[in-house]
PDB file of N, CA and C in Angstrom:
ATOM      1  N   UNK A   1       0.840  -1.185   0.000  1.00  0.00           N
ATOM      2  CA  UNK A   1       0.000   0.000   0.000  1.00  0.00           C
ATOM      3  C   UNK A   1       0.883   1.246   0.000  1.00  0.00           C
ATOM      4  N   UNK A   2       0.659   2.106  -0.942  1.00  0.00           N
ATOM      5  CA  UNK A   2       1.492   3.303  -1.038  1.00  0.00           C
ATOM      6  C   UNK A   2       0.808   4.470  -0.321  1.00  0.00           C
ATOM      7  N   UNK A   3       1.622   5.319   0.212  1.00  0.00           N
ATOM      8  CA  UNK A   3       1.104   6.527   0.861  1.00  0.00           C
ATOM      9  C   UNK A   3       1.589   7.732   0.085  1.00  0.00           C
ATOM     10  N   UNK A   4       0.803   8.777   0.153  1.00  0.00           N
ATOM     11  CA  UNK A   4       1.146   9.998  -0.562  1.00  0.00           C
ATOM     12  C   UNK A   4       1.783  10.978   0.411  1.00  0.00           C
ATOM     13  N   UNK A   5       2.732  11.711  -0.095  1.00  0.00           N
ATOM     14  CA  UNK A   5       3.346  12.752   0.719  1.00  0.00           C
ATOM     15  C   UNK A   5       2.406  13.956   0.773  1.00  0.00           C
ATOM     16  N   UNK A   6       2.693  14.873   1.666  1.00  0.00           N
ATOM     17  CA  UNK A   6       1.869  16.077   1.789  1.00  0.00           C
ATOM     18  C   UNK A   6       1.880  16.878   0.485  1.00  0.00           C
ATOM     19  N   UNK A   7       3.020  16.915  -0.187  1.00  0.00           N
ATOM     20  CA  UNK A   7       3.107  17.632  -1.455  1.00  0.00           C
ATOM     21  C   UNK A   7       2.255  16.955  -2.535  1.00  0.00           C
ATOM     22  N   UNK A   8       2.257  15.628  -2.554  1.00  0.00           N
ATOM     23  CA  UNK A   8       1.454  14.909  -3.528  1.00  0.00           C
ATOM     24  C   UNK A   8      -0.039  15.114  -3.278  1.00  0.00           C
ATOM     25  N   UNK A   9      -0.416  15.114  -2.004  1.00  0.00           N
ATOM     26  CA  UNK A   9      -1.813  15.349  -1.661  1.00  0.00           C
ATOM     27  C   UNK A   9      -2.226  16.755  -2.076  1.00  0.00           C
ATOM     28  N   UNK A  10      -1.381  17.737  -1.823  1.00  0.00           N
ATOM     29  CA  UNK A  10      -1.683  19.117  -2.206  1.00  0.00           C
ATOM     30  C   UNK A  10      -1.798  19.242  -3.723  1.00  0.00           C
ATOM     31  N   UNK A  11      -0.890  18.580  -4.454  1.00  0.00           N
ATOM     32  CA  UNK A  11      -0.937  18.636  -5.917  1.00  0.00           C
ATOM     33  C   UNK A  11      -2.212  17.951  -6.435  1.00  0.00           C
ATOM     34  N   UNK A  12      -2.580  16.831  -5.830  1.00  0.00           N
ATOM     35  CA  UNK A  12      -3.789  16.125  -6.245  1.00  0.00           C
ATOM     36  C   UNK A  12      -5.030  16.969  -5.990  1.00  0.00           C
ATOM     37  N   UNK A  13      -5.087  17.614  -4.820  1.00  0.00           N
ATOM     38  CA  UNK A  13      -6.220  18.483  -4.504  1.00  0.00           C
ATOM     39  C   UNK A  13      -6.317  19.650  -5.480  1.00  0.00           C
ATOM     40  N   UNK A  14      -5.185  20.247  -5.823  1.00  0.00           N
ATOM     41  CA  UNK A  14      -5.169  21.360  -6.771  1.00  0.00           C
ATOM     42  C   UNK A  14      -5.637  20.900  -8.149  1.00  0.00           C
ATOM     43  N   UNK A  15      -5.161  19.733  -8.591  1.00  0.00           N
ATOM     44  CA  UNK A  15      -5.576  19.186  -9.878  1.00  0.00           C
ATOM     45  C   UNK A  15      -7.088  18.935  -9.881  1.00  0.00           C
ATOM     46  N   UNK A  16      -7.598  18.349  -8.790  1.00  0.00           N
ATOM     47  CA  UNK A  16      -9.023  18.072  -8.692  1.00  0.00           C
ATOM     48  C   UNK A  16      -9.837  19.361  -8.688  1.00  0.00           C
ATOM     49  N   UNK A  17      -9.401  20.386  -7.981  1.00  0.00           N
ATOM     50  CA  UNK A  17     -10.091  21.666  -7.938  1.00  0.00           C
ATOM     51  C   UNK A  17     -10.137  22.307  -9.316  1.00  0.00           C
ATOM     52  N   UNK A  18      -9.027  22.273 -10.029  1.00  0.00           N
ATOM     53  CA  UNK A  18      -8.982  22.834 -11.382  1.00  0.00           C
ATOM     54  C   UNK A  18      -9.919  22.087 -12.325  1.00  0.00           C
ATOM     55  N   UNK A  19      -9.940  20.771 -12.193  1.00  0.00           N
ATOM     56  CA  UNK A  19     -10.819  19.964 -13.032  1.00  0.00           C
ATOM     57  C   UNK A  19     -12.275  20.299 -12.737  1.00  0.00           C
ATOM     58  N   UNK A  20     -12.635  20.423 -11.460  1.00  0.00           N
ATOM     59  CA  UNK A  20     -13.999  20.748 -11.064  1.00  0.00           C
ATOM     60  C   UNK A  20     -14.405  22.121 -11.607  1.00  0.00           C
ATOM     61  N   UNK A  21     -13.521  23.102 -11.501  1.00  0.00           N
ATOM     62  CA  UNK A  21     -13.827  24.443 -12.009  1.00  0.00           C
ATOM     63  C   UNK A  21     -14.039  24.426 -13.519  1.00  0.00           C
ATOM     64  N   UNK A  22     -13.261  23.623 -14.229  1.00  0.00           N
ATOM     65  CA  UNK A  22     -13.419  23.531 -15.680  1.00  0.00           C
ATOM     66  C   UNK A  22     -14.769  22.917 -16.038  1.00  0.00           C
ATOM     67  N   UNK A  23     -15.158  21.881 -15.335  1.00  0.00           N
ATOM     68  CA  UNK A  23     -16.456  21.240 -15.601  1.00  0.00           C
ATOM     69  C   UNK A  23     -17.593  22.209 -15.289  1.00  0.00           C
ATOM     70  N   UNK A  24     -17.509  22.907 -14.176  1.00  0.00           N
ATOM     71  CA  UNK A  24     -18.563  23.850 -13.805  1.00  0.00           C
ATOM     72  C   UNK A  24     -18.684  24.992 -14.817  1.00  0.00           C
ATOM     73  N   UNK A  25     -17.565  25.501 -15.300  1.00  0.00           N
ATOM     74  CA  UNK A  25     -17.637  26.586 -16.289  1.00  0.00           C
ATOM     75  C   UNK A  25     -18.200  26.075 -17.606  1.00  0.00           C
ATOM     76  N   UNK A  26     -17.887  24.835 -17.975  1.00  0.00           N
ATOM     77  CA  UNK A  26     -18.450  24.245 -19.184  1.00  0.00           C
ATOM     78  C   UNK A  26     -19.962  24.075 -19.043  1.00  0.00           C
ATOM     79  N   UNK A  27     -20.420  23.623 -17.891  1.00  0.00           N
ATOM     80  CA  UNK A  27     -21.863  23.476 -17.668  1.00  0.00           C
ATOM     81  C   UNK A  27     -22.557  24.835 -17.700  1.00  0.00           C
ATOM     82  N   UNK A  28     -21.964  25.840 -17.087  1.00  0.00           N
ATOM     83  CA  UNK A  28     -22.561  27.174 -17.073  1.00  0.00           C
ATOM     84  C   UNK A  28     -22.652  27.740 -18.484  1.00  0.00           C
ATOM     85  N   UNK A  29     -21.616  27.539 -19.267  1.00  0.00           N
ATOM     86  CA  UNK A  29     -21.630  28.024 -20.646  1.00  0.00           C
ATOM     87  C   UNK A  29     -22.717  27.312 -21.449  1.00  0.00           C
ATOM     88  N   UNK A  30     -22.852  26.006 -21.252  1.00  0.00           N
ATOM     89  CA  UNK A  30     -23.880  25.250 -21.954  1.00  0.00           C
ATOM     90  C   UNK A  30     -25.277  25.717 -21.591  1.00  0.00           C
ATOM     91  N   UNK A  31     -25.506  26.002 -20.320  1.00  0.00           N
ATOM     92  CA  UNK A  31     -26.815  26.507 -19.902  1.00  0.00           C
ATOM     93  C   UNK A  31     -27.088  27.895 -20.454  1.00  0.00           C
ATOM     94  N   UNK A  32     -26.065  28.737 -20.497  1.00  0.00           N
ATOM     95  CA  UNK A  32     -26.243  30.093 -21.004  1.00  0.00           C
ATOM     96  C   UNK A  32     -26.574  30.087 -22.499  1.00  0.00           C
ATOM     97  N   UNK A  33     -26.032  29.121 -23.227  1.00  0.00           N
ATOM     98  CA  UNK A  33     -26.247  29.054 -24.674  1.00  0.00           C
ATOM     99  C   UNK A  33     -27.503  28.274 -25.050  1.00  0.00           C
ATOM    100  N   UNK A  34     -28.156  27.642 -24.060  1.00  0.00           N
ATOM    101  CA  UNK A  34     -29.311  26.799 -24.361  1.00  0.00           C
ATOM    102  C   UNK A  34     -30.511  27.633 -24.799  1.00  0.00           C
ATOM    103  N   UNK A  35     -31.173  27.182 -25.830  1.00  0.00           N
ATOM    104  CA  UNK A  35     -32.376  27.862 -26.308  1.00  0.00           C
ATOM    105  C   UNK A  35     -33.599  27.257 -25.621  1.00  0.00           C
ATOM    106  N   UNK A  36     -34.715  27.952 -25.722  1.00  0.00           N
ATOM    107  CA  UNK A  36     -35.965  27.453 -25.146  1.00  0.00           C
ATOM    108  C   UNK A  36     -36.366  26.133 -25.796  1.00  0.00           C
ATOM    109  N   UNK A  37     -36.185  26.026 -27.109  1.00  0.00           N
ATOM    110  CA  UNK A  37     -36.550  24.793 -27.810  1.00  0.00           C
ATOM    111  C   UNK A  37     -35.718  23.610 -27.333  1.00  0.00           C
ATOM    112  N   UNK A  38     -34.435  23.843 -27.143  1.00  0.00           N
ATOM    113  CA  UNK A  38     -33.558  22.762 -26.665  1.00  0.00           C
ATOM    114  C   UNK A  38     -33.959  22.352 -25.242  1.00  0.00           C
ATOM    115  N   UNK A  39     -34.299  23.305 -24.407  1.00  0.00           N
ATOM    116  CA  UNK A  39     -34.736  22.989 -23.051  1.00  0.00           C
ATOM    117  C   UNK A  39     -36.013  22.160 -23.074  1.00  0.00           C
ATOM    118  N   UNK A  40     -36.942  22.511 -23.954  1.00  0.00           N
ATOM    119  CA  UNK A  40     -38.183  21.728 -24.087  1.00  0.00           C
ATOM    120  C   UNK A  40     -37.897  20.302 -24.541  1.00  0.00           C
ATOM    121  N   UNK A  41     -36.969  20.146 -25.483  1.00  0.00           N
ATOM    122  CA  UNK A  41     -36.609  18.806 -25.949  1.00  0.00           C
ATOM    123  C   UNK A  41     -36.062  17.959 -24.804  1.00  0.00           C
ATOM    124  N   UNK A  42     -35.207  18.539 -23.994  1.00  0.00           N
ATOM    125  CA  UNK A  42     -34.619  17.808 -22.869  1.00  0.00           C
ATOM    126  C   UNK A  42     -35.697  17.420 -21.867  1.00  0.00           C
ATOM    127  N   UNK A  43     -36.588  18.350 -21.578  1.00  0.00           N
ATOM    128  CA  UNK A  43     -37.663  18.071 -20.620  1.00  0.00           C
ATOM    129  C   UNK A  43     -38.557  16.950 -21.148  1.00  0.00           C
ATOM    130  N   UNK A  44     -38.894  16.988 -22.422  1.00  0.00           N
ATOM    131  CA  UNK A  44     -39.741  15.945 -22.999  1.00  0.00           C
ATOM    132  C   UNK A  44     -39.062  14.582 -22.935  1.00  0.00           C
ATOM    133  N   UNK A  45     -37.761  14.545 -23.188  1.00  0.00           N
ATOM    134  CA  UNK A  45     -37.036  13.272 -23.100  1.00  0.00           C
ATOM    135  C   UNK A  45     -37.031  12.741 -21.677  1.00  0.00           C
ATOM    136  N   UNK A  46     -36.858  13.630 -20.707  1.00  0.00           N
ATOM    137  CA  UNK A  46     -36.820  13.200 -19.310  1.00  0.00           C
ATOM    138  C   UNK A  46     -38.187  12.734 -18.824  1.00  0.00           C
ATOM    139  N   UNK A  47     -39.247  13.279 -19.375  1.00  0.00           N
ATOM    140  CA  UNK A  47     -40.591  12.882 -18.954  1.00  0.00           C
ATOM    141  C   UNK A  47     -40.905  11.436 -19.310  1.00  0.00           C
ATOM    142  N   UNK A  48     -40.154  10.857 -20.223  1.00  0.00           N
ATOM    143  CA  UNK A  48     -40.361   9.451 -20.545  1.00  0.00           C
ATOM    144  C   UNK A  48     -40.062   8.560 -19.346  1.00  0.00           C
ATOM    145  N   UNK A  49     -39.215   9.036 -18.434  1.00  0.00           N
ATOM    146  CA  UNK A  49     -38.779   8.231 -17.304  1.00  0.00           C
ATOM    147  C   UNK A  49     -39.359   8.687 -15.977  1.00  0.00           C
ATOM    148  N   UNK A  50     -40.147   9.734 -15.984  1.00  0.00           N
ATOM    149  CA  UNK A  50     -40.712  10.261 -14.738  1.00  0.00           C
ATOM    150  C   UNK A  50     -42.208  10.492 -14.927  1.00  0.00           C
ATOM    151  N   UNK A  51     -42.962  10.387 -13.855  1.00  0.00           N
ATOM    152  CA  UNK A  51     -44.396  10.663 -13.990  1.00  0.00           C
ATOM    153  C   UNK A  51     -44.632  12.129 -14.342  1.00  0.00           C
ATOM    154  N   UNK A  52     -45.697  12.368 -15.059  1.00  0.00           N
ATOM    155  CA  UNK A  52     -46.032  13.741 -15.441  1.00  0.00           C
ATOM    156  C   UNK A  52     -46.436  14.528 -14.201  1.00  0.00           C
ATOM    157  N   UNK A  53     -46.021  15.774 -14.102  1.00  0.00           N
ATOM    158  CA  UNK A  53     -46.415  16.583 -12.952  1.00  0.00           C
ATOM    159  C   UNK A  53     -47.918  16.839 -12.988  1.00  0.00           C
ATOM    160  N   UNK A  54     -48.530  17.051 -11.833  1.00  0.00           N
ATOM    161  CA  UNK A  54     -49.965  17.320 -11.831  1.00  0.00           C
ATOM    162  C   UNK A  54     -50.276  18.618 -12.572  1.00  0.00           C
ATOM    163  N   UNK A  55     -51.402  18.633 -13.225  1.00  0.00           N
ATOM    164  CA  UNK A  55     -51.823  19.804 -13.977  1.00  0.00           C
ATOM    165  C   UNK A  55     -52.345  20.849 -12.998  1.00  0.00           C
ATOM    166  N   UNK A  56     -51.688  22.000 -12.870  1.00  0.00           N
ATOM    167  CA  UNK A  56     -52.138  22.983 -11.891  1.00  0.00           C
ATOM    168  C   UNK A  56     -53.472  23.631 -12.264  1.00  0.00           C
ATOM    169  N   UNK A  57     -53.941  23.440 -13.484  1.00  0.00           N
ATOM    170  CA  UNK A  57     -55.173  24.081 -13.930  1.00  0.00           C
ATOM    171  C   UNK A  57     -56.353  23.110 -14.031  1.00  0.00           C
ATOM    172  N   UNK A  58     -56.262  21.978 -13.307  1.00  0.00           N
ATOM    173  CA  UNK A  58     -57.351  21.013 -13.397  1.00  0.00           C
ATOM    174  C   UNK A  58     -58.476  21.308 -12.416  1.00  0.00           C
ATOM    175  N   UNK A  59     -58.370  22.354 -11.621  1.00  0.00           N
ATOM    176  CA  UNK A  59     -59.430  22.753 -10.713  1.00  0.00           C
ATOM    177  C   UNK A  59     -59.350  22.131  -9.336  1.00  0.00           C
ATOM    178  N   UNK A  60     -58.574  21.070  -9.173  1.00  0.00           N
ATOM    179  CA  UNK A  60     -58.505  20.423  -7.876  1.00  0.00           C
ATOM    180  C   UNK A  60     -57.915  21.330  -6.813  1.00  0.00           C
ATOM    181  N   UNK A  61     -56.970  22.144  -7.181  1.00  0.00           N
ATOM    182  CA  UNK A  61     -56.350  23.033  -6.207  1.00  0.00           C
ATOM    183  C   UNK A  61     -57.354  23.991  -5.596  1.00  0.00           C
ATOM    184  N   UNK A  62     -58.244  24.513  -6.407  1.00  0.00           N
ATOM    185  CA  UNK A  62     -59.252  25.438  -5.918  1.00  0.00           C
ATOM    186  C   UNK A  62     -60.202  24.727  -4.971  1.00  0.00           C
ATOM    187  N   UNK A  63     -60.602  23.510  -5.315  1.00  0.00           N
ATOM    188  CA  UNK A  63     -61.500  22.742  -4.453  1.00  0.00           C
ATOM    189  C   UNK A  63     -60.826  22.469  -3.116  1.00  0.00           C
ATOM    190  N   UNK A  64     -59.564  22.071  -3.159  1.00  0.00           N
ATOM    191  CA  UNK A  64     -58.837  21.802  -1.919  1.00  0.00           C
ATOM    192  C   UNK A  64     -58.690  23.079  -1.096  1.00  0.00           C
ATOM    193  N   UNK A  65     -58.422  24.181  -1.739  1.00  0.00           N
ATOM    194  CA  UNK A  65     -58.275  25.451  -1.036  1.00  0.00           C
ATOM    195  C   UNK A  65     -59.594  25.845  -0.373  1.00  0.00           C
ATOM    196  N   UNK A  66     -60.700  25.725  -1.097  1.00  0.00           N
ATOM    197  CA  UNK A  66     -61.998  26.071  -0.530  1.00  0.00           C
ATOM    198  C   UNK A  66     -62.337  25.162   0.646  1.00  0.00           C
ATOM    199  N   UNK A  67     -62.018  23.893   0.534  1.00  0.00           N
ATOM    200  CA  UNK A  67     -62.261  22.950   1.624  1.00  0.00           C
ATOM    201  C   UNK A  67     -61.451  23.346   2.854  1.00  0.00           C
ATOM    202  N   UNK A  68     -60.205  23.711   2.656  1.00  0.00           N
ATOM    203  CA  UNK A  68     -59.345  24.102   3.760  1.00  0.00           C
ATOM    204  C   UNK A  68     -59.897  25.344   4.476  1.00  0.00           C
ATOM    205  N   UNK A  69     -60.280  26.355   3.708  1.00  0.00           N
ATOM    206  CA  UNK A  69     -60.798  27.581   4.316  1.00  0.00           C
ATOM    207  C   UNK A  69     -62.163  27.359   4.973  1.00  0.00           C
ATOM    208  N   UNK A  70     -62.935  26.469   4.430  1.00  0.00           N
ATOM    209  CA  UNK A  70     -64.234  26.156   5.043  1.00  0.00           C
ATOM    210  C   UNK A  70     -64.028  25.515   6.413  1.00  0.00           C
ATOM    211  N   UNK A  71     -63.028  24.631   6.518  1.00  0.00           N
ATOM    212  CA  UNK A  71     -62.729  24.000   7.808  1.00  0.00           C
ATOM    213  C   UNK A  71     -62.253  25.020   8.819  1.00  0.00           C
ATOM    214  N   UNK A  72     -61.535  26.028   8.383  1.00  0.00           N
ATOM    215  CA  UNK A  72     -61.021  27.042   9.300  1.00  0.00           C
ATOM    216  C   UNK A  72     -62.123  27.944   9.834  1.00  0.00           C
ATOM    217  N   UNK A  73     -63.178  28.142   9.067  1.00  0.00           N
ATOM    218  CA  UNK A  73     -64.258  29.005   9.497  1.00  0.00           C
ATOM    219  C   UNK A  73     -65.123  28.360  10.563  1.00  0.00           C
ATOM    220  N   UNK A  74     -65.205  27.058  10.557  1.00  0.00           N
ATOM    221  CA  UNK A  74     -66.097  26.344  11.478  1.00  0.00           C
ATOM    222  C   UNK A  74     -65.552  26.337  12.875  1.00  0.00           C
TER     223      UNK A  74
END
C-alpha cells in the first residue's frame, strides 16, 4: 500500500479543484447558450422516465383550497 506525501496530496487536490472548475464553467456556458426549444426537448425526453407533474389548472387546487378555508371558518 502506497502513501502519498503532503506535497502529492496538495498537488492532487489542486488538480481536482482545477478539473472541477473547468467542468462547472463548461456546464454554465452550456446553460447560457441553451435555447428554449432545446430545453423543451430535454424536458420531454426526461418525462419518458418520470411521472407527469400534476396539472395545476385542473381545478382540484381550488376545491382543496376552498375545503381548507371552510374547515377554518367552522
